């Protein structure tokens, strides 16, 4: 699975970069016979609907030629948004001080879901503060992570 993800990233990233965007991440979600490929793009000046449509057309053409995903799938291009997913150590570093939700691949202390303040990155571990304690989770043990938007009342 990681190899397929790396292959998709290698195919898509140059197209996105050539169009002036950062490839924030890719989610390939299998849904029975059909699947969904979600591409998150980012740019300092923001992302609009036309940007997503342009990227979608370009990436779709490459995927049609290379055909890396067997069967039918739906392609979606989006900004990561406020509840943005976090994929890399760089993402975690950039959002230090924000609240995040993590889902681990295997249970730790009898649970897989954690939510707290992202205290930072140390080596290849994510530091999460919650309930007055600090937890260290190796990034390879994290199944998914995303920012939890905080709104002032």
Protein backbone atom coordinates (compact mmCIF):
# COMPACT_ATOMS: atom_id res chain seq x y z
CA UNK A 1 0.00 0.00 0.00
CA UNK A 2 2.81 2.44 0.85
CA UNK A 3 4.42 1.64 -2.51
CA UNK A 4 1.17 2.44 -4.36
CA UNK A 5 0.88 5.71 -2.44
CA UNK A 6 4.50 6.61 -3.28
CA UNK A 7 3.88 5.81 -6.95
CA UNK A 8 0.77 8.02 -7.02
CA UNK A 9 2.67 10.81 -5.29
CA UNK A 10 5.55 10.55 -7.79
CA UNK A 11 3.10 10.78 -10.70
CA UNK A 12 0.97 13.63 -9.35
CA UNK A 13 3.48 15.87 -7.53
CA UNK A 14 5.36 17.14 -10.63
CA UNK A 15 2.07 18.12 -12.32
CA UNK A 16 0.84 20.00 -9.25
CA UNK A 17 4.22 21.71 -8.72
CA UNK A 18 4.45 22.76 -12.38
CA UNK A 19 1.11 24.53 -11.95
CA UNK A 20 2.44 26.50 -8.98
CA UNK A 21 0.91 24.52 -6.12
CA UNK A 22 2.16 22.34 -3.28
CA UNK A 23 0.87 18.79 -3.22
CA UNK A 24 -0.30 18.69 0.39
CA UNK A 25 -1.32 15.04 0.33
CA UNK A 26 -3.17 12.19 -1.30
CA UNK A 27 -5.86 9.88 0.08
CA UNK A 28 -6.82 6.79 -1.87
CA UNK A 29 -10.00 5.43 -0.31
CA UNK A 30 -11.31 2.05 -1.42
CA UNK A 31 -15.08 1.82 -1.34
CA UNK A 32 -15.95 -1.67 -2.47
CA UNK A 33 -15.83 -1.96 -6.24
CA UNK A 34 -15.28 1.78 -6.58
CA UNK A 35 -12.67 3.99 -4.98
CA UNK A 36 -11.95 7.65 -4.48
CA UNK A 37 -8.67 9.48 -5.04
CA UNK A 38 -8.52 12.77 -3.15
CA UNK A 39 -5.69 15.17 -3.93
CA UNK A 40 -5.09 18.08 -1.56
CA UNK A 41 -3.35 21.11 -3.02
CA UNK A 42 -2.04 24.21 -1.27
CA UNK A 43 -0.72 27.62 -2.28
CA UNK A 44 0.18 30.59 -0.11
CA UNK A 45 -2.28 32.83 -1.96
CA UNK A 46 -5.05 30.26 -1.50
CA UNK A 47 -6.90 27.74 -3.63
CA UNK A 48 -10.16 28.34 -5.48
CA UNK A 49 -12.59 26.15 -7.41
CA UNK A 50 -11.01 26.97 -10.77
CA UNK A 51 -7.59 25.92 -9.44
CA UNK A 52 -9.04 22.58 -8.37
CA UNK A 53 -10.69 22.09 -11.77
CA UNK A 54 -7.45 22.93 -13.62
CA UNK A 55 -5.41 20.53 -11.49
CA UNK A 56 -8.10 17.86 -11.87
CA UNK A 57 -7.97 18.07 -15.68
CA UNK A 58 -4.17 17.86 -15.78
CA UNK A 59 -3.87 15.04 -13.23
CA UNK A 60 -6.73 13.14 -14.84
CA UNK A 61 -4.90 13.15 -18.19
CA UNK A 62 -1.75 11.73 -16.56
CA UNK A 63 -3.73 9.09 -14.64
CA UNK A 64 -5.56 8.06 -17.82
CA UNK A 65 -2.23 7.44 -19.57
CA UNK A 66 -0.40 5.79 -16.65
CA UNK A 67 -3.46 3.95 -15.25
CA UNK A 68 -2.05 3.39 -11.71
CA UNK A 69 -5.42 2.59 -10.12
CA UNK A 70 -7.26 -0.55 -11.24
CA UNK A 71 -11.02 -0.34 -11.67
CA UNK A 72 -13.24 2.68 -11.40
CA UNK A 73 -12.47 5.61 -9.14
CA UNK A 74 -13.58 9.17 -8.60
CA UNK A 75 -10.94 11.92 -8.64
CA UNK A 76 -11.39 14.85 -6.26
CA UNK A 77 -9.08 17.86 -5.93
CA UNK A 78 -9.43 20.09 -2.89
CA UNK A 79 -7.73 22.52 -0.56
CA UNK A 80 -6.79 20.86 2.75
CA UNK A 81 -9.13 23.33 4.50
CA UNK A 82 -9.27 24.24 8.17
CA UNK A 83 -9.44 20.63 9.38
CA UNK A 84 -6.50 19.79 7.14
CA UNK A 85 -5.03 16.33 7.22
CA UNK A 86 -1.40 16.04 8.31
CA UNK A 87 0.81 13.56 6.49
CA UNK A 88 4.49 14.41 6.97
CA UNK A 89 6.85 15.46 9.75
CA UNK A 90 7.02 18.86 8.04
CA UNK A 91 3.23 19.20 8.27
CA UNK A 92 3.33 18.43 11.99
CA UNK A 93 6.19 20.92 12.50
CA UNK A 94 4.34 23.66 10.60
CA UNK A 95 1.26 23.25 12.77
CA UNK A 96 2.94 23.02 16.16
CA UNK A 97 0.71 24.71 18.75
CA UNK A 98 -2.53 23.68 17.03
CA UNK A 99 -5.02 21.12 18.29
CA UNK A 100 -4.90 17.84 16.41
CA UNK A 101 -6.72 14.52 16.34
CA UNK A 102 -4.70 11.37 15.72
CA UNK A 103 -5.77 7.84 14.92
CA UNK A 104 -3.08 5.24 15.52
CA UNK A 105 -2.53 2.07 13.48
CA UNK A 106 -2.37 0.01 16.69
CA UNK A 107 -3.80 0.76 20.15
CA UNK A 108 -1.70 2.55 22.76
CA UNK A 109 -2.93 2.30 26.36
CA UNK A 110 -6.01 0.51 25.03
CA UNK A 111 -7.06 3.21 22.56
CA UNK A 112 -6.33 4.33 19.01
CA UNK A 113 -7.79 7.86 18.99
CA UNK A 114 -6.09 10.81 20.69
CA UNK A 115 -6.76 14.53 20.60
CA UNK A 116 -4.66 17.31 22.08
CA UNK A 117 -2.19 20.11 21.51
CA UNK A 118 0.55 19.43 18.98
CA UNK A 119 3.64 20.19 21.08
CA UNK A 120 6.14 19.54 18.29
CA UNK A 121 8.25 16.99 16.49
CA UNK A 122 11.26 15.19 17.94
CA UNK A 123 13.13 13.00 15.49
CA UNK A 124 10.43 10.95 13.82
CA UNK A 125 7.99 11.27 16.72
CA UNK A 126 5.01 13.54 17.15
CA UNK A 127 4.65 15.12 20.59
CA UNK A 128 1.06 15.52 21.75
CA UNK A 129 -0.02 17.19 25.01
CA UNK A 130 -3.32 16.15 26.52
CA UNK A 131 -4.73 15.96 30.01
CA UNK A 132 -1.55 17.47 31.45
CA UNK A 133 0.68 14.75 29.98
CA UNK A 134 2.88 14.57 26.90
CA UNK A 135 2.72 11.58 24.57
CA UNK A 136 5.21 10.62 21.86
CA UNK A 137 3.89 8.80 18.81
CA UNK A 138 6.17 7.57 16.00
CA UNK A 139 4.89 9.00 12.72
CA UNK A 140 4.85 5.54 11.10
CA UNK A 141 2.39 4.45 13.82
CA UNK A 142 -0.11 7.18 12.92
CA UNK A 143 -2.88 6.04 10.58
CA UNK A 144 -4.40 9.51 10.15
CA UNK A 145 -4.14 12.97 11.66
CA UNK A 146 -5.88 16.27 11.14
CA UNK A 147 -6.11 19.76 12.61
CA UNK A 148 -9.05 20.36 14.93
CA UNK A 149 -10.15 23.95 14.27
CA UNK A 150 -10.57 26.06 17.40
CA UNK A 151 -13.08 28.90 17.41
CA UNK A 152 -13.19 31.66 20.00
CA UNK A 153 -16.63 32.29 21.48
